Amino acid sequence: MKKSRFTDSQIIAILKQAVAGTSVPELCRGHGISSASFYKCGLNSAGWMRPS
């Protein structure tokens, strides 16, 4: 299995920013990931964020 680029604490910080209302493009630019990776990794699933 491929090792994740981000630690659990970094993922949690990204999720908290997303829930706080930061837009996905701004969030992705700030953390150096593409929006496709954001959605592919499931960071927008399981009710973590509001629908965009």
PDB file of N, CA and C in Angstrom:
ATOM      1  N   MET A   1       0.840  -1.179   0.000  1.00  0.00           N
ATOM      2  CA  MET A   1       0.000   0.000   0.000  1.00  0.00           C
ATOM      3  C   MET A   1       0.888   1.246   0.000  1.00  0.00           C
ATOM      4  N   LYS A   2       0.492   2.240  -0.773  1.00  0.00           N
ATOM      5  CA  LYS A   2       1.278   3.455  -0.888  1.00  0.00           C
ATOM      6  C   LYS A   2       1.168   4.289   0.390  1.00  0.00           C
ATOM      7  N   LYS A   3       2.300   4.815   0.829  1.00  0.00           N
ATOM      8  CA  LYS A   3       2.328   5.652   2.014  1.00  0.00           C
ATOM      9  C   LYS A   3       1.736   7.023   1.692  1.00  0.00           C
ATOM     10  N   SER A   4       0.938   7.533   2.608  1.00  0.00           N
ATOM     11  CA  SER A   4       0.307   8.835   2.417  1.00  0.00           C
ATOM     12  C   SER A   4       1.343   9.953   2.473  1.00  0.00           C
ATOM     13  N   ARG A   5       1.117  10.974   1.669  1.00  0.00           N
ATOM     14  CA  ARG A   5       2.014  12.128   1.647  1.00  0.00           C
ATOM     15  C   ARG A   5       1.836  12.989   2.896  1.00  0.00           C
ATOM     16  N   PHE A   6       0.642  12.932   3.473  1.00  0.00           N
ATOM     17  CA  PHE A   6       0.321  13.764   4.627  1.00  0.00           C
ATOM     18  C   PHE A   6       0.118  12.903   5.866  1.00  0.00           C
ATOM     19  N   THR A   7       0.491  13.456   7.018  1.00  0.00           N
ATOM     20  CA  THR A   7       0.274  12.753   8.276  1.00  0.00           C
ATOM     21  C   THR A   7      -1.189  12.912   8.680  1.00  0.00           C
ATOM     22  N   ASP A   8      -1.599  12.122   9.644  1.00  0.00           N
ATOM     23  CA  ASP A   8      -2.975  12.205  10.123  1.00  0.00           C
ATOM     24  C   ASP A   8      -3.284  13.597  10.663  1.00  0.00           C
ATOM     25  N   SER A   9      -2.344  14.199  11.369  1.00  0.00           N
ATOM     26  CA  SER A   9      -2.592  15.526  11.934  1.00  0.00           C
ATOM     27  C   SER A   9      -2.726  16.584  10.839  1.00  0.00           C
ATOM     28  N   GLN A  10      -1.990  16.434   9.736  1.00  0.00           N
ATOM     29  CA  GLN A  10      -2.123  17.379   8.629  1.00  0.00           C
ATOM     30  C   GLN A  10      -3.481  17.231   7.952  1.00  0.00           C
ATOM     31  N   ILE A  11      -3.941  16.005   7.787  1.00  0.00           N
ATOM     32  CA  ILE A  11      -5.250  15.762   7.175  1.00  0.00           C
ATOM     33  C   ILE A  11      -6.349  16.352   8.046  1.00  0.00           C
ATOM     34  N   ILE A  12      -6.237  16.184   9.357  1.00  0.00           N
ATOM     35  CA  ILE A  12      -7.226  16.740  10.274  1.00  0.00           C
ATOM     36  C   ILE A  12      -7.239  18.259  10.191  1.00  0.00           C
ATOM     37  N   ALA A  13      -6.067  18.877  10.079  1.00  0.00           N
ATOM     38  CA  ALA A  13      -5.993  20.335   9.953  1.00  0.00           C
ATOM     39  C   ALA A  13      -6.663  20.804   8.658  1.00  0.00           C
ATOM     40  N   ILE A  14      -6.458  20.068   7.569  1.00  0.00           N
ATOM     41  CA  ILE A  14      -7.098  20.406   6.294  1.00  0.00           C
ATOM     42  C   ILE A  14      -8.609  20.294   6.433  1.00  0.00           C
ATOM     43  N   LEU A  15      -9.081  19.240   7.066  1.00  0.00           N
ATOM     44  CA  LEU A  15     -10.522  19.047   7.247  1.00  0.00           C
ATOM     45  C   LEU A  15     -11.129  20.156   8.101  1.00  0.00           C
ATOM     46  N   LYS A  16     -10.428  20.552   9.159  1.00  0.00           N
ATOM     47  CA  LYS A  16     -10.940  21.620  10.020  1.00  0.00           C
ATOM     48  C   LYS A  16     -11.057  22.929   9.257  1.00  0.00           C
ATOM     49  N   GLN A  17     -10.087  23.217   8.402  1.00  0.00           N
ATOM     50  CA  GLN A  17     -10.144  24.433   7.601  1.00  0.00           C
ATOM     51  C   GLN A  17     -11.305  24.357   6.614  1.00  0.00           C
ATOM     52  N   ALA A  18     -11.526  23.184   6.048  1.00  0.00           N
ATOM     53  CA  ALA A  18     -12.609  23.016   5.088  1.00  0.00           C
ATOM     54  C   ALA A  18     -13.967  23.199   5.755  1.00  0.00           C
ATOM     55  N   VAL A  19     -14.131  22.640   6.939  1.00  0.00           N
ATOM     56  CA  VAL A  19     -15.384  22.765   7.674  1.00  0.00           C
ATOM     57  C   VAL A  19     -15.602  24.217   8.102  1.00  0.00           C
ATOM     58  N   ALA A  20     -14.516  24.935   8.384  1.00  0.00           N
ATOM     59  CA  ALA A  20     -14.616  26.332   8.806  1.00  0.00           C
ATOM     60  C   ALA A  20     -15.051  27.251   7.674  1.00  0.00           C
ATOM     61  N   GLY A  21     -15.013  26.752   6.436  1.00  0.00           N
ATOM     62  CA  GLY A  21     -15.535  27.545   5.335  1.00  0.00           C
ATOM     63  C   GLY A  21     -14.526  27.964   4.287  1.00  0.00           C
ATOM     64  N   THR A  22     -13.300  27.498   4.386  1.00  0.00           N
ATOM     65  CA  THR A  22     -12.308  27.817   3.361  1.00  0.00           C
ATOM     66  C   THR A  22     -12.699  27.122   2.064  1.00  0.00           C
ATOM     67  N   SER A  23     -12.612  27.850   0.952  1.00  0.00           N
ATOM     68  CA  SER A  23     -12.976  27.248  -0.330  1.00  0.00           C
ATOM     69  C   SER A  23     -11.964  26.167  -0.714  1.00  0.00           C
ATOM     70  N   VAL A  24     -12.430  25.194  -1.475  1.00  0.00           N
ATOM     71  CA  VAL A  24     -11.572  24.081  -1.873  1.00  0.00           C
ATOM     72  C   VAL A  24     -10.357  24.548  -2.680  1.00  0.00           C
ATOM     73  N   PRO A  25     -10.532  25.415  -3.690  1.00  0.00           N
ATOM     74  CA  PRO A  25      -9.341  25.860  -4.431  1.00  0.00           C
ATOM     75  C   PRO A  25      -8.307  26.579  -3.557  1.00  0.00           C
ATOM     76  N   GLU A  26      -8.786  27.420  -2.645  1.00  0.00           N
ATOM     77  CA  GLU A  26      -7.869  28.135  -1.749  1.00  0.00           C
ATOM     78  C   GLU A  26      -7.161  27.168  -0.805  1.00  0.00           C
ATOM     79  N   LEU A  27      -7.912  26.216  -0.299  1.00  0.00           N
ATOM     80  CA  LEU A  27      -7.364  25.207   0.603  1.00  0.00           C
ATOM     81  C   LEU A  27      -6.291  24.374  -0.095  1.00  0.00           C
ATOM     82  N   CYS A  28      -6.569  23.973  -1.327  1.00  0.00           N
ATOM     83  CA  CYS A  28      -5.627  23.154  -2.088  1.00  0.00           C
ATOM     84  C   CYS A  28      -4.347  23.925  -2.413  1.00  0.00           C
ATOM     85  N   ARG A  29      -4.483  25.191  -2.797  1.00  0.00           N
ATOM     86  CA  ARG A  29      -3.296  26.013  -3.064  1.00  0.00           C
ATOM     87  C   ARG A  29      -2.444  26.157  -1.815  1.00  0.00           C
ATOM     88  N   GLY A  30      -3.080  26.348  -0.683  1.00  0.00           N
ATOM     89  CA  GLY A  30      -2.351  26.537   0.567  1.00  0.00           C
ATOM     90  C   GLY A  30      -1.585  25.309   1.020  1.00  0.00           C
ATOM     91  N   HIS A  31      -2.087  24.137   0.666  1.00  0.00           N
ATOM     92  CA  HIS A  31      -1.442  22.898   1.110  1.00  0.00           C
ATOM     93  C   HIS A  31      -0.689  22.176  -0.002  1.00  0.00           C
ATOM     94  N   GLY A  32      -0.713  22.751  -1.196  1.00  0.00           N
ATOM     95  CA  GLY A  32       0.050  22.171  -2.295  1.00  0.00           C
ATOM     96  C   GLY A  32      -0.515  20.895  -2.879  1.00  0.00           C
ATOM     97  N   ILE A  33      -1.833  20.778  -2.907  1.00  0.00           N
ATOM     98  CA  ILE A  33      -2.461  19.616  -3.526  1.00  0.00           C
ATOM     99  C   ILE A  33      -3.426  20.098  -4.600  1.00  0.00           C
ATOM    100  N   SER A  34      -3.762  19.221  -5.524  1.00  0.00           N
ATOM    101  CA  SER A  34      -4.728  19.585  -6.555  1.00  0.00           C
ATOM    102  C   SER A  34      -6.134  19.328  -6.023  1.00  0.00           C
ATOM    103  N   SER A  35      -7.100  20.021  -6.602  1.00  0.00           N
ATOM    104  CA  SER A  35      -8.479  19.795  -6.165  1.00  0.00           C
ATOM    105  C   SER A  35      -8.917  18.370  -6.504  1.00  0.00           C
ATOM    106  N   ALA A  36      -8.386  17.813  -7.593  1.00  0.00           N
ATOM    107  CA  ALA A  36      -8.708  16.425  -7.943  1.00  0.00           C
ATOM    108  C   ALA A  36      -8.225  15.475  -6.851  1.00  0.00           C
ATOM    109  N   SER A  37      -7.039  15.719  -6.325  1.00  0.00           N
ATOM    110  CA  SER A  37      -6.520  14.886  -5.234  1.00  0.00           C
ATOM    111  C   SER A  37      -7.362  15.039  -3.977  1.00  0.00           C
ATOM    112  N   PHE A  38      -7.813  16.256  -3.739  1.00  0.00           N
ATOM    113  CA  PHE A  38      -8.654  16.533  -2.575  1.00  0.00           C
ATOM    114  C   PHE A  38      -9.905  15.664  -2.609  1.00  0.00           C
ATOM    115  N   TYR A  39     -10.576  15.639  -3.756  1.00  0.00           N
ATOM    116  CA  TYR A  39     -11.800  14.851  -3.876  1.00  0.00           C
ATOM    117  C   TYR A  39     -11.509  13.359  -3.983  1.00  0.00           C
ATOM    118  N   LYS A  40     -10.413  12.991  -4.660  1.00  0.00           N
ATOM    119  CA  LYS A  40     -10.066  11.580  -4.836  1.00  0.00           C
ATOM    120  C   LYS A  40      -9.752  10.917  -3.497  1.00  0.00           C
ATOM    121  N   CYS A  41      -9.099  11.638  -2.623  1.00  0.00           N
ATOM    122  CA  CYS A  41      -8.734  11.093  -1.315  1.00  0.00           C
ATOM    123  C   CYS A  41      -9.923  10.990  -0.379  1.00  0.00           C
ATOM    124  N   GLY A  42     -11.037  11.513  -0.802  1.00  0.00           N
ATOM    125  CA  GLY A  42     -12.229  11.387   0.027  1.00  0.00           C
ATOM    126  C   GLY A  42     -12.338  12.446   1.093  1.00  0.00           C
ATOM    127  N   LEU A  43     -11.567  13.524   0.985  1.00  0.00           N
ATOM    128  CA  LEU A  43     -11.638  14.547   2.012  1.00  0.00           C
ATOM    129  C   LEU A  43     -12.970  15.284   1.970  1.00  0.00           C
ATOM    130  N   ASN A  44     -13.694  15.159   0.882  1.00  0.00           N
ATOM    131  CA  ASN A  44     -14.984  15.820   0.773  1.00  0.00           C
ATOM    132  C   ASN A  44     -16.135  14.849   1.059  1.00  0.00           C
ATOM    133  N   SER A  45     -15.828  13.614   1.379  1.00  0.00           N
ATOM    134  CA  SER A  45     -16.886  12.619   1.567  1.00  0.00           C
ATOM    135  C   SER A  45     -17.206  12.411   3.035  1.00  0.00           C
ATOM    136  N   ALA A  46     -18.157  11.571   3.281  1.00  0.00           N
ATOM    137  CA  ALA A  46     -18.550  11.138   4.623  1.00  0.00           C
ATOM    138  C   ALA A  46     -19.046  12.287   5.499  1.00  0.00           C
ATOM    139  N   GLY A  47     -19.601  13.320   4.866  1.00  0.00           N
ATOM    140  CA  GLY A  47     -20.206  14.396   5.635  1.00  0.00           C
ATOM    141  C   GLY A  47     -19.242  15.343   6.307  1.00  0.00           C
ATOM    142  N   TRP A  48     -17.979  15.299   5.935  1.00  0.00           N
ATOM    143  CA  TRP A  48     -16.996  16.190   6.564  1.00  0.00           C
ATOM    144  C   TRP A  48     -17.205  17.634   6.163  1.00  0.00           C
ATOM    145  N   MET A  49     -17.658  17.828   4.918  1.00  0.00           N
ATOM    146  CA  MET A  49     -17.811  19.192   4.421  1.00  0.00           C
ATOM    147  C   MET A  49     -19.211  19.402   3.900  1.00  0.00           C
ATOM    148  N   ARG A  50     -19.544  20.656   3.784  1.00  0.00           N
ATOM    149  CA  ARG A  50     -20.800  20.998   3.142  1.00  0.00           C
ATOM    150  C   ARG A  50     -20.647  20.794   1.647  1.00  0.00           C
ATOM    151  N   PRO A  51     -21.718  20.568   0.902  1.00  0.00           N
ATOM    152  CA  PRO A  51     -21.601  20.425  -0.559  1.00  0.00           C
ATOM    153  C   PRO A  51     -21.122  21.720  -1.194  1.00  0.00           C
ATOM    154  N   SER A  52     -20.265  21.613  -2.192  1.00  0.00           N
ATOM    155  CA  SER A  52     -19.725  22.799  -2.859  1.00  0.00           C
ATOM    156  C   SER A  52     -20.637  23.262  -3.945  1.00  0.00           C
TER     157      SER A  52
END
